[in-house]
Amino acid sequence: QAEEPALIDSGFSQNLGLLQAALQSV
């Protein structure tokens, strides 16, 4: 969490929907 938010890694290619949903939840 920062002025410019960042991720450490982005996971497996088939889980992009899960990644996006997790981000949207916060």
mmCIF file of all heavy atoms, coordinates in Angstrom:
data_MODEL
# 
_entry.id   MODEL 
# 
loop_
_atom_site.group_PDB 
_atom_site.id 
_atom_site.type_symbol 
_atom_site.label_atom_id 
_atom_site.label_alt_id 
_atom_site.label_comp_id 
_atom_site.label_asym_id 
_atom_site.label_entity_id 
_atom_site.label_seq_id 
_atom_site.pdbx_PDB_ins_code 
_atom_site.Cartn_x 
_atom_site.Cartn_y 
_atom_site.Cartn_z 
_atom_site.occupancy 
_atom_site.B_iso_or_equiv 
_atom_site.pdbx_formal_charge 
_atom_site.auth_seq_id 
_atom_site.auth_comp_id 
_atom_site.auth_asym_id 
_atom_site.auth_atom_id 
_atom_site.pdbx_PDB_model_num 
ATOM 1   N N   . GLN A 1 1  ? 0.848   -1.187  0.000   1.00 0.00 ? 1  GLN A N   1 
ATOM 2   C CA  . GLN A 1 1  ? 0.000   0.000   0.000   1.00 0.00 ? 1  GLN A CA  1 
ATOM 3   C C   . GLN A 1 1  ? 0.887   1.242   0.000   1.00 0.00 ? 1  GLN A C   1 
ATOM 4   O O   . GLN A 1 1  ? 1.746   1.409   0.869   1.00 0.00 ? 1  GLN A O   1 
ATOM 5   C CB  . GLN A 1 1  ? -0.923  -0.001  1.220   1.00 0.00 ? 1  GLN A CB  1 
ATOM 6   C CG  . GLN A 1 1  ? -1.937  -1.136  1.217   1.00 0.00 ? 1  GLN A CG  1 
ATOM 7   C CD  . GLN A 1 1  ? -2.813  -1.110  2.449   1.00 0.00 ? 1  GLN A CD  1 
ATOM 8   O OE1 . GLN A 1 1  ? -2.349  -1.289  3.560   1.00 0.00 ? 1  GLN A OE1 1 
ATOM 9   N NE2 . GLN A 1 1  ? -4.109  -0.871  2.236   1.00 0.00 ? 1  GLN A NE2 1 
ATOM 10  N N   . ALA A 1 2  ? 0.688   2.075   -0.981  1.00 0.00 ? 2  ALA A N   1 
ATOM 11  C CA  . ALA A 1 2  ? 1.506   3.265   -1.130  1.00 0.00 ? 2  ALA A CA  1 
ATOM 12  C C   . ALA A 1 2  ? 0.769   4.241   -2.041  1.00 0.00 ? 2  ALA A C   1 
ATOM 13  O O   . ALA A 1 2  ? -0.296  3.932   -2.589  1.00 0.00 ? 2  ALA A O   1 
ATOM 14  C CB  . ALA A 1 2  ? 2.867   2.908   -1.727  1.00 0.00 ? 2  ALA A CB  1 
ATOM 15  N N   . GLU A 1 3  ? 1.349   5.405   -2.189  1.00 0.00 ? 3  GLU A N   1 
ATOM 16  C CA  . GLU A 1 3  ? 0.792   6.388   -3.125  1.00 0.00 ? 3  GLU A CA  1 
ATOM 17  C C   . GLU A 1 3  ? 0.651   5.770   -4.510  1.00 0.00 ? 3  GLU A C   1 
ATOM 18  O O   . GLU A 1 3  ? -0.328  6.004   -5.221  1.00 0.00 ? 3  GLU A O   1 
ATOM 19  C CB  . GLU A 1 3  ? 1.704   7.615   -3.171  1.00 0.00 ? 3  GLU A CB  1 
ATOM 20  C CG  . GLU A 1 3  ? 1.199   8.741   -4.038  1.00 0.00 ? 3  GLU A CG  1 
ATOM 21  C CD  . GLU A 1 3  ? 2.166   9.911   -4.042  1.00 0.00 ? 3  GLU A CD  1 
ATOM 22  O OE1 . GLU A 1 3  ? 2.966   10.048  -3.098  1.00 0.00 ? 3  GLU A OE1 1 
ATOM 23  O OE2 . GLU A 1 3  ? 2.112   10.700  -5.007  1.00 0.00 ? 3  GLU A OE2 1 
ATOM 24  N N   . GLU A 1 4  ? 1.620   4.950   -4.887  1.00 0.00 ? 4  GLU A N   1 
ATOM 25  C CA  . GLU A 1 4  ? 1.557   4.169   -6.125  1.00 0.00 ? 4  GLU A CA  1 
ATOM 26  C C   . GLU A 1 4  ? 1.578   2.692   -5.733  1.00 0.00 ? 4  GLU A C   1 
ATOM 27  O O   . GLU A 1 4  ? 2.651   2.118   -5.516  1.00 0.00 ? 4  GLU A O   1 
ATOM 28  C CB  . GLU A 1 4  ? 2.727   4.516   -7.040  1.00 0.00 ? 4  GLU A CB  1 
ATOM 29  C CG  . GLU A 1 4  ? 2.738   5.965   -7.502  1.00 0.00 ? 4  GLU A CG  1 
ATOM 30  C CD  . GLU A 1 4  ? 3.912   6.275   -8.424  1.00 0.00 ? 4  GLU A CD  1 
ATOM 31  O OE1 . GLU A 1 4  ? 4.680   5.334   -8.747  1.00 0.00 ? 4  GLU A OE1 1 
ATOM 32  O OE2 . GLU A 1 4  ? 4.054   7.439   -8.817  1.00 0.00 ? 4  GLU A OE2 1 
ATOM 33  N N   . PRO A 1 5  ? 0.409   2.039   -5.627  1.00 0.00 ? 5  PRO A N   1 
ATOM 34  C CA  . PRO A 1 5  ? 0.352   0.656   -5.135  1.00 0.00 ? 5  PRO A CA  1 
ATOM 35  C C   . PRO A 1 5  ? 1.164   -0.300  -6.014  1.00 0.00 ? 5  PRO A C   1 
ATOM 36  O O   . PRO A 1 5  ? 1.277   -0.122  -7.229  1.00 0.00 ? 5  PRO A O   1 
ATOM 37  C CB  . PRO A 1 5  ? -1.143  0.317   -5.196  1.00 0.00 ? 5  PRO A CB  1 
ATOM 38  C CG  . PRO A 1 5  ? -1.839  1.637   -5.232  1.00 0.00 ? 5  PRO A CG  1 
ATOM 39  C CD  . PRO A 1 5  ? -0.926  2.569   -5.946  1.00 0.00 ? 5  PRO A CD  1 
ATOM 40  N N   . ALA A 1 6  ? 1.717   -1.339  -5.367  1.00 0.00 ? 6  ALA A N   1 
ATOM 41  C CA  . ALA A 1 6  ? 2.563   -2.295  -6.072  1.00 0.00 ? 6  ALA A CA  1 
ATOM 42  C C   . ALA A 1 6  ? 2.210   -3.718  -5.661  1.00 0.00 ? 6  ALA A C   1 
ATOM 43  O O   . ALA A 1 6  ? 1.687   -3.955  -4.565  1.00 0.00 ? 6  ALA A O   1 
ATOM 44  C CB  . ALA A 1 6  ? 4.035   -2.019  -5.774  1.00 0.00 ? 6  ALA A CB  1 
ATOM 45  N N   . LEU A 1 7  ? 2.497   -4.675  -6.555  1.00 0.00 ? 7  LEU A N   1 
ATOM 46  C CA  . LEU A 1 7  ? 2.347   -6.099  -6.267  1.00 0.00 ? 7  LEU A CA  1 
ATOM 47  C C   . LEU A 1 7  ? 3.720   -6.758  -6.230  1.00 0.00 ? 7  LEU A C   1 
ATOM 48  O O   . LEU A 1 7  ? 4.635   -6.365  -6.962  1.00 0.00 ? 7  LEU A O   1 
ATOM 49  C CB  . LEU A 1 7  ? 1.531   -6.805  -7.360  1.00 0.00 ? 7  LEU A CB  1 
ATOM 50  C CG  . LEU A 1 7  ? 0.046   -6.494  -7.513  1.00 0.00 ? 7  LEU A CG  1 
ATOM 51  C CD1 . LEU A 1 7  ? -0.533  -7.349  -8.643  1.00 0.00 ? 7  LEU A CD1 1 
ATOM 52  C CD2 . LEU A 1 7  ? -0.705  -6.746  -6.221  1.00 0.00 ? 7  LEU A CD2 1 
ATOM 53  N N   . ILE A 1 8  ? 3.852   -7.782  -5.389  1.00 0.00 ? 8  ILE A N   1 
ATOM 54  C CA  . ILE A 1 8  ? 4.988   -8.682  -5.445  1.00 0.00 ? 8  ILE A CA  1 
ATOM 55  C C   . ILE A 1 8  ? 4.503   -9.955  -6.132  1.00 0.00 ? 8  ILE A C   1 
ATOM 56  O O   . ILE A 1 8  ? 3.705   -10.713 -5.585  1.00 0.00 ? 8  ILE A O   1 
ATOM 57  C CB  . ILE A 1 8  ? 5.531   -9.018  -4.048  1.00 0.00 ? 8  ILE A CB  1 
ATOM 58  C CG1 . ILE A 1 8  ? 5.917   -7.750  -3.288  1.00 0.00 ? 8  ILE A CG1 1 
ATOM 59  C CG2 . ILE A 1 8  ? 6.721   -9.973  -4.167  1.00 0.00 ? 8  ILE A CG2 1 
ATOM 60  C CD1 . ILE A 1 8  ? 7.059   -6.974  -3.903  1.00 0.00 ? 8  ILE A CD1 1 
ATOM 61  N N   . ASP A 1 9  ? 4.946   -10.178 -7.368  1.00 0.00 ? 9  ASP A N   1 
ATOM 62  C CA  . ASP A 1 9  ? 4.508   -11.279 -8.230  1.00 0.00 ? 9  ASP A CA  1 
ATOM 63  C C   . ASP A 1 9  ? 3.024   -11.117 -8.606  1.00 0.00 ? 9  ASP A C   1 
ATOM 64  O O   . ASP A 1 9  ? 2.292   -10.340 -7.988  1.00 0.00 ? 9  ASP A O   1 
ATOM 65  C CB  . ASP A 1 9  ? 4.756   -12.646 -7.596  1.00 0.00 ? 9  ASP A CB  1 
ATOM 66  C CG  . ASP A 1 9  ? 6.238   -12.981 -7.459  1.00 0.00 ? 9  ASP A CG  1 
ATOM 67  O OD1 . ASP A 1 9  ? 7.035   -12.430 -8.232  1.00 0.00 ? 9  ASP A OD1 1 
ATOM 68  O OD2 . ASP A 1 9  ? 6.588   -13.791 -6.574  1.00 0.00 ? 9  ASP A OD2 1 
ATOM 69  N N   . SER A 1 10 ? 2.611   -11.853 -9.641  1.00 0.00 ? 10 SER A N   1 
ATOM 70  C CA  . SER A 1 10 ? 1.205   -11.762 -10.071 1.00 0.00 ? 10 SER A CA  1 
ATOM 71  C C   . SER A 1 10 ? 0.585   -13.133 -10.295 1.00 0.00 ? 10 SER A C   1 
ATOM 72  O O   . SER A 1 10 ? -0.555  -13.227 -10.728 1.00 0.00 ? 10 SER A O   1 
ATOM 73  C CB  . SER A 1 10 ? 1.085   -10.916 -11.346 1.00 0.00 ? 10 SER A CB  1 
ATOM 74  O OG  . SER A 1 10 ? 1.883   -11.441 -12.397 1.00 0.00 ? 10 SER A OG  1 
ATOM 75  N N   . GLY A 1 11 ? 1.344   -14.217 -10.019 1.00 0.00 ? 11 GLY A N   1 
ATOM 76  C CA  . GLY A 1 11 ? 0.745   -15.536 -10.011 1.00 0.00 ? 11 GLY A CA  1 
ATOM 77  C C   . GLY A 1 11 ? 0.684   -16.235 -11.356 1.00 0.00 ? 11 GLY A C   1 
ATOM 78  O O   . GLY A 1 11 ? 1.288   -15.829 -12.350 1.00 0.00 ? 11 GLY A O   1 
ATOM 79  N N   . PHE A 1 12 ? -0.106  -17.301 -11.357 1.00 0.00 ? 12 PHE A N   1 
ATOM 80  C CA  . PHE A 1 12 ? -0.251  -18.204 -12.489 1.00 0.00 ? 12 PHE A CA  1 
ATOM 81  C C   . PHE A 1 12 ? -1.156  -17.592 -13.557 1.00 0.00 ? 12 PHE A C   1 
ATOM 82  O O   . PHE A 1 12 ? -2.145  -16.923 -13.250 1.00 0.00 ? 12 PHE A O   1 
ATOM 83  C CB  . PHE A 1 12 ? -0.825  -19.528 -11.975 1.00 0.00 ? 12 PHE A CB  1 
ATOM 84  C CG  . PHE A 1 12 ? -0.971  -20.607 -12.995 1.00 0.00 ? 12 PHE A CG  1 
ATOM 85  C CD1 . PHE A 1 12 ? 0.116   -21.045 -13.728 1.00 0.00 ? 12 PHE A CD1 1 
ATOM 86  C CD2 . PHE A 1 12 ? -2.195  -21.209 -13.211 1.00 0.00 ? 12 PHE A CD2 1 
ATOM 87  C CE1 . PHE A 1 12 ? -0.012  -22.059 -14.663 1.00 0.00 ? 12 PHE A CE1 1 
ATOM 88  C CE2 . PHE A 1 12 ? -2.341  -22.222 -14.139 1.00 0.00 ? 12 PHE A CE2 1 
ATOM 89  C CZ  . PHE A 1 12 ? -1.248  -22.645 -14.862 1.00 0.00 ? 12 PHE A CZ  1 
ATOM 90  N N   . SER A 1 13 ? -0.854  -17.837 -14.814 1.00 0.00 ? 13 SER A N   1 
ATOM 91  C CA  . SER A 1 13 ? -1.536  -17.169 -15.928 1.00 0.00 ? 13 SER A CA  1 
ATOM 92  C C   . SER A 1 13 ? -3.051  -17.378 -15.929 1.00 0.00 ? 13 SER A C   1 
ATOM 93  O O   . SER A 1 13 ? -3.805  -16.477 -16.295 1.00 0.00 ? 13 SER A O   1 
ATOM 94  C CB  . SER A 1 13 ? -0.946  -17.650 -17.260 1.00 0.00 ? 13 SER A CB  1 
ATOM 95  O OG  . SER A 1 13 ? -1.068  -19.062 -17.376 1.00 0.00 ? 13 SER A OG  1 
ATOM 96  N N   . GLN A 1 14 ? -3.520  -18.565 -15.526 1.00 0.00 ? 14 GLN A N   1 
ATOM 97  C CA  . GLN A 1 14 ? -4.947  -18.850 -15.582 1.00 0.00 ? 14 GLN A CA  1 
ATOM 98  C C   . GLN A 1 14 ? -5.727  -18.251 -14.422 1.00 0.00 ? 14 GLN A C   1 
ATOM 99  O O   . GLN A 1 14 ? -6.946  -18.406 -14.344 1.00 0.00 ? 14 GLN A O   1 
ATOM 100 C CB  . GLN A 1 14 ? -5.166  -20.360 -15.630 1.00 0.00 ? 14 GLN A CB  1 
ATOM 101 C CG  . GLN A 1 14 ? -4.583  -21.021 -16.869 1.00 0.00 ? 14 GLN A CG  1 
ATOM 102 C CD  . GLN A 1 14 ? -5.161  -20.436 -18.148 1.00 0.00 ? 14 GLN A CD  1 
ATOM 103 O OE1 . GLN A 1 14 ? -6.354  -20.488 -18.380 1.00 0.00 ? 14 GLN A OE1 1 
ATOM 104 N NE2 . GLN A 1 14 ? -4.300  -19.849 -18.978 1.00 0.00 ? 14 GLN A NE2 1 
ATOM 105 N N   . ASN A 1 15 ? -5.042  -17.553 -13.521 1.00 0.00 ? 15 ASN A N   1 
ATOM 106 C CA  . ASN A 1 15 ? -5.692  -16.991 -12.338 1.00 0.00 ? 15 ASN A CA  1 
ATOM 107 C C   . ASN A 1 15 ? -5.837  -15.480 -12.393 1.00 0.00 ? 15 ASN A C   1 
ATOM 108 O O   . ASN A 1 15 ? -6.030  -14.831 -11.361 1.00 0.00 ? 15 ASN A O   1 
ATOM 109 C CB  . ASN A 1 15 ? -4.922  -17.373 -11.074 1.00 0.00 ? 15 ASN A CB  1 
ATOM 110 C CG  . ASN A 1 15 ? -5.113  -18.822 -10.703 1.00 0.00 ? 15 ASN A CG  1 
ATOM 111 O OD1 . ASN A 1 15 ? -6.092  -19.444 -11.098 1.00 0.00 ? 15 ASN A OD1 1 
ATOM 112 N ND2 . ASN A 1 15 ? -4.176  -19.366 -9.961  1.00 0.00 ? 15 ASN A ND2 1 
ATOM 113 N N   . LEU A 1 16 ? -5.787  -14.917 -13.593 1.00 0.00 ? 16 LEU A N   1 
ATOM 114 C CA  . LEU A 1 16 ? -5.885  -13.470 -13.702 1.00 0.00 ? 16 LEU A CA  1 
ATOM 115 C C   . LEU A 1 16 ? -7.233  -12.956 -13.192 1.00 0.00 ? 16 LEU A C   1 
ATOM 116 O O   . LEU A 1 16 ? -7.311  -11.886 -12.588 1.00 0.00 ? 16 LEU A O   1 
ATOM 117 C CB  . LEU A 1 16 ? -5.674  -13.040 -15.159 1.00 0.00 ? 16 LEU A CB  1 
ATOM 118 C CG  . LEU A 1 16 ? -5.101  -11.646 -15.375 1.00 0.00 ? 16 LEU A CG  1 
ATOM 119 C CD1 . LEU A 1 16 ? -3.777  -11.477 -14.657 1.00 0.00 ? 16 LEU A CD1 1 
ATOM 120 C CD2 . LEU A 1 16 ? -4.918  -11.364 -16.854 1.00 0.00 ? 16 LEU A CD2 1 
ATOM 121 N N   . GLY A 1 17 ? -8.305  -13.740 -13.420 1.00 0.00 ? 17 GLY A N   1 
ATOM 122 C CA  . GLY A 1 17 ? -9.616  -13.347 -12.907 1.00 0.00 ? 17 GLY A CA  1 
ATOM 123 C C   . GLY A 1 17 ? -9.657  -13.323 -11.394 1.00 0.00 ? 17 GLY A C   1 
ATOM 124 O O   . GLY A 1 17 ? -10.244 -12.410 -10.786 1.00 0.00 ? 17 GLY A O   1 
ATOM 125 N N   . LEU A 1 18 ? -9.024  -14.327 -10.771 1.00 0.00 ? 18 LEU A N   1 
ATOM 126 C CA  . LEU A 1 18 ? -8.947  -14.348 -9.315  1.00 0.00 ? 18 LEU A CA  1 
ATOM 127 C C   . LEU A 1 18 ? -8.123  -13.172 -8.789  1.00 0.00 ? 18 LEU A C   1 
ATOM 128 O O   . LEU A 1 18 ? -8.471  -12.559 -7.769  1.00 0.00 ? 18 LEU A O   1 
ATOM 129 C CB  . LEU A 1 18 ? -8.314  -15.658 -8.857  1.00 0.00 ? 18 LEU A CB  1 
ATOM 130 C CG  . LEU A 1 18 ? -9.177  -16.920 -8.909  1.00 0.00 ? 18 LEU A CG  1 
ATOM 131 C CD1 . LEU A 1 18 ? -8.309  -18.149 -8.648  1.00 0.00 ? 18 LEU A CD1 1 
ATOM 132 C CD2 . LEU A 1 18 ? -10.321 -16.855 -7.921  1.00 0.00 ? 18 LEU A CD2 1 
ATOM 133 N N   . LEU A 1 19 ? -7.043  -12.867 -9.462  1.00 0.00 ? 19 LEU A N   1 
ATOM 134 C CA  . LEU A 1 19 ? -6.204  -11.737 -9.074  1.00 0.00 ? 19 LEU A CA  1 
ATOM 135 C C   . LEU A 1 19 ? -6.998  -10.443 -9.122  1.00 0.00 ? 19 LEU A C   1 
ATOM 136 O O   . LEU A 1 19 ? -6.990  -9.643  -8.175  1.00 0.00 ? 19 LEU A O   1 
ATOM 137 C CB  . LEU A 1 19 ? -4.987  -11.657 -9.989  1.00 0.00 ? 19 LEU A CB  1 
ATOM 138 C CG  . LEU A 1 19 ? -4.070  -10.441 -9.833  1.00 0.00 ? 19 LEU A CG  1 
ATOM 139 C CD1 . LEU A 1 19 ? -3.413  -10.435 -8.464  1.00 0.00 ? 19 LEU A CD1 1 
ATOM 140 C CD2 . LEU A 1 19 ? -2.991  -10.432 -10.924 1.00 0.00 ? 19 LEU A CD2 1 
ATOM 141 N N   . GLN A 1 20 ? -7.705  -10.230 -10.224 1.00 0.00 ? 20 GLN A N   1 
ATOM 142 C CA  . GLN A 1 20 ? -8.495  -9.014  -10.384 1.00 0.00 ? 20 GLN A CA  1 
ATOM 143 C C   . GLN A 1 20 ? -9.601  -8.928  -9.333  1.00 0.00 ? 20 GLN A C   1 
ATOM 144 O O   . GLN A 1 20 ? -9.842  -7.865  -8.737  1.00 0.00 ? 20 GLN A O   1 
ATOM 145 C CB  . GLN A 1 20 ? -9.106  -8.967  -11.794 1.00 0.00 ? 20 GLN A CB  1 
ATOM 146 C CG  . GLN A 1 20 ? -9.957  -7.731  -12.080 1.00 0.00 ? 20 GLN A CG  1 
ATOM 147 C CD  . GLN A 1 20 ? -9.137  -6.484  -12.333 1.00 0.00 ? 20 GLN A CD  1 
ATOM 148 O OE1 . GLN A 1 20 ? -8.255  -6.141  -11.555 1.00 0.00 ? 20 GLN A OE1 1 
ATOM 149 N NE2 . GLN A 1 20 ? -9.450  -5.791  -13.422 1.00 0.00 ? 20 GLN A NE2 1 
ATOM 150 N N   . ALA A 1 21 ? -10.267 -10.042 -9.065  1.00 0.00 ? 21 ALA A N   1 
ATOM 151 C CA  . ALA A 1 21 ? -11.347 -10.049 -8.079  1.00 0.00 ? 21 ALA A CA  1 
ATOM 152 C C   . ALA A 1 21 ? -10.828 -9.725  -6.685  1.00 0.00 ? 21 ALA A C   1 
ATOM 153 O O   . ALA A 1 21 ? -11.473 -9.000  -5.920  1.00 0.00 ? 21 ALA A O   1 
ATOM 154 C CB  . ALA A 1 21 ? -12.057 -11.397 -8.092  1.00 0.00 ? 21 ALA A CB  1 
ATOM 155 N N   . ALA A 1 22 ? -9.658  -10.277 -6.340  1.00 0.00 ? 22 ALA A N   1 
ATOM 156 C CA  . ALA A 1 22 ? -9.072  -9.989  -5.031  1.00 0.00 ? 22 ALA A CA  1 
ATOM 157 C C   . ALA A 1 22 ? -8.756  -8.503  -4.899  1.00 0.00 ? 22 ALA A C   1 
ATOM 158 O O   . ALA A 1 22 ? -9.026  -7.878  -3.860  1.00 0.00 ? 22 ALA A O   1 
ATOM 159 C CB  . ALA A 1 22 ? -7.812  -10.825 -4.831  1.00 0.00 ? 22 ALA A CB  1 
ATOM 160 N N   . LEU A 1 23 ? -8.199  -7.920  -5.958  1.00 0.00 ? 23 LEU A N   1 
ATOM 161 C CA  . LEU A 1 23 ? -7.894  -6.487  -5.927  1.00 0.00 ? 23 LEU A CA  1 
ATOM 162 C C   . LEU A 1 23 ? -9.162  -5.651  -5.779  1.00 0.00 ? 23 LEU A C   1 
ATOM 163 O O   . LEU A 1 23 ? -9.219  -4.697  -4.996  1.00 0.00 ? 23 LEU A O   1 
ATOM 164 C CB  . LEU A 1 23 ? -7.140  -6.083  -7.196  1.00 0.00 ? 23 LEU A CB  1 
ATOM 165 C CG  . LEU A 1 23 ? -5.724  -6.655  -7.373  1.00 0.00 ? 23 LEU A CG  1 
ATOM 166 C CD1 . LEU A 1 23 ? -5.178  -6.303  -8.751  1.00 0.00 ? 23 LEU A CD1 1 
ATOM 167 C CD2 . LEU A 1 23 ? -4.792  -6.151  -6.286  1.00 0.00 ? 23 LEU A CD2 1 
ATOM 168 N N   . GLN A 1 24 ? -10.187 -6.018  -6.529  1.00 0.00 ? 24 GLN A N   1 
ATOM 169 C CA  . GLN A 1 24 ? -11.445 -5.268  -6.481  1.00 0.00 ? 24 GLN A CA  1 
ATOM 170 C C   . GLN A 1 24 ? -12.080 -5.310  -5.096  1.00 0.00 ? 24 GLN A C   1 
ATOM 171 O O   . GLN A 1 24 ? -12.748 -4.359  -4.680  1.00 0.00 ? 24 GLN A O   1 
ATOM 172 C CB  . GLN A 1 24 ? -12.408 -5.809  -7.526  1.00 0.00 ? 24 GLN A CB  1 
ATOM 173 C CG  . GLN A 1 24 ? -12.017 -5.473  -8.955  1.00 0.00 ? 24 GLN A CG  1 
ATOM 174 C CD  . GLN A 1 24 ? -12.914 -6.132  -9.990  1.00 0.00 ? 24 GLN A CD  1 
ATOM 175 O OE1 . GLN A 1 24 ? -13.677 -7.050  -9.671  1.00 0.00 ? 24 GLN A OE1 1 
ATOM 176 N NE2 . GLN A 1 24 ? -12.806 -5.692  -11.229 1.00 0.00 ? 24 GLN A NE2 1 
ATOM 177 N N   . SER A 1 25 ? -11.867 -6.401  -4.375  1.00 0.00 ? 25 SER A N   1 
ATOM 178 C CA  . SER A 1 25 ? -12.483 -6.533  -3.056  1.00 0.00 ? 25 SER A CA  1 
ATOM 179 C C   . SER A 1 25 ? -11.927 -5.528  -2.050  1.00 0.00 ? 25 SER A C   1 
ATOM 180 O O   . SER A 1 25 ? -12.524 -5.292  -1.001  1.00 0.00 ? 25 SER A O   1 
ATOM 181 C CB  . SER A 1 25 ? -12.289 -7.957  -2.529  1.00 0.00 ? 25 SER A CB  1 
ATOM 182 O OG  . SER A 1 25 ? -10.940 -8.180  -2.153  1.00 0.00 ? 25 SER A OG  1 
ATOM 183 N N   . VAL A 1 26 ? -10.764 -4.929  -2.355  1.00 0.00 ? 26 VAL A N   1 
ATOM 184 C CA  . VAL A 1 26 ? -10.187 -3.918  -1.459  1.00 0.00 ? 26 VAL A CA  1 
ATOM 185 C C   . VAL A 1 26 ? -10.083 -2.569  -2.160  1.00 0.00 ? 26 VAL A C   1 
ATOM 186 O O   . VAL A 1 26 ? -9.257  -1.719  -1.806  1.00 0.00 ? 26 VAL A O   1 
ATOM 187 C CB  . VAL A 1 26 ? -8.798  -4.364  -0.941  1.00 0.00 ? 26 VAL A CB  1 
ATOM 188 C CG1 . VAL A 1 26 ? -8.949  -5.543  -0.002  1.00 0.00 ? 26 VAL A CG1 1 
ATOM 189 C CG2 . VAL A 1 26 ? -7.849  -4.716  -2.087  1.00 0.00 ? 26 VAL A CG2 1 
# 
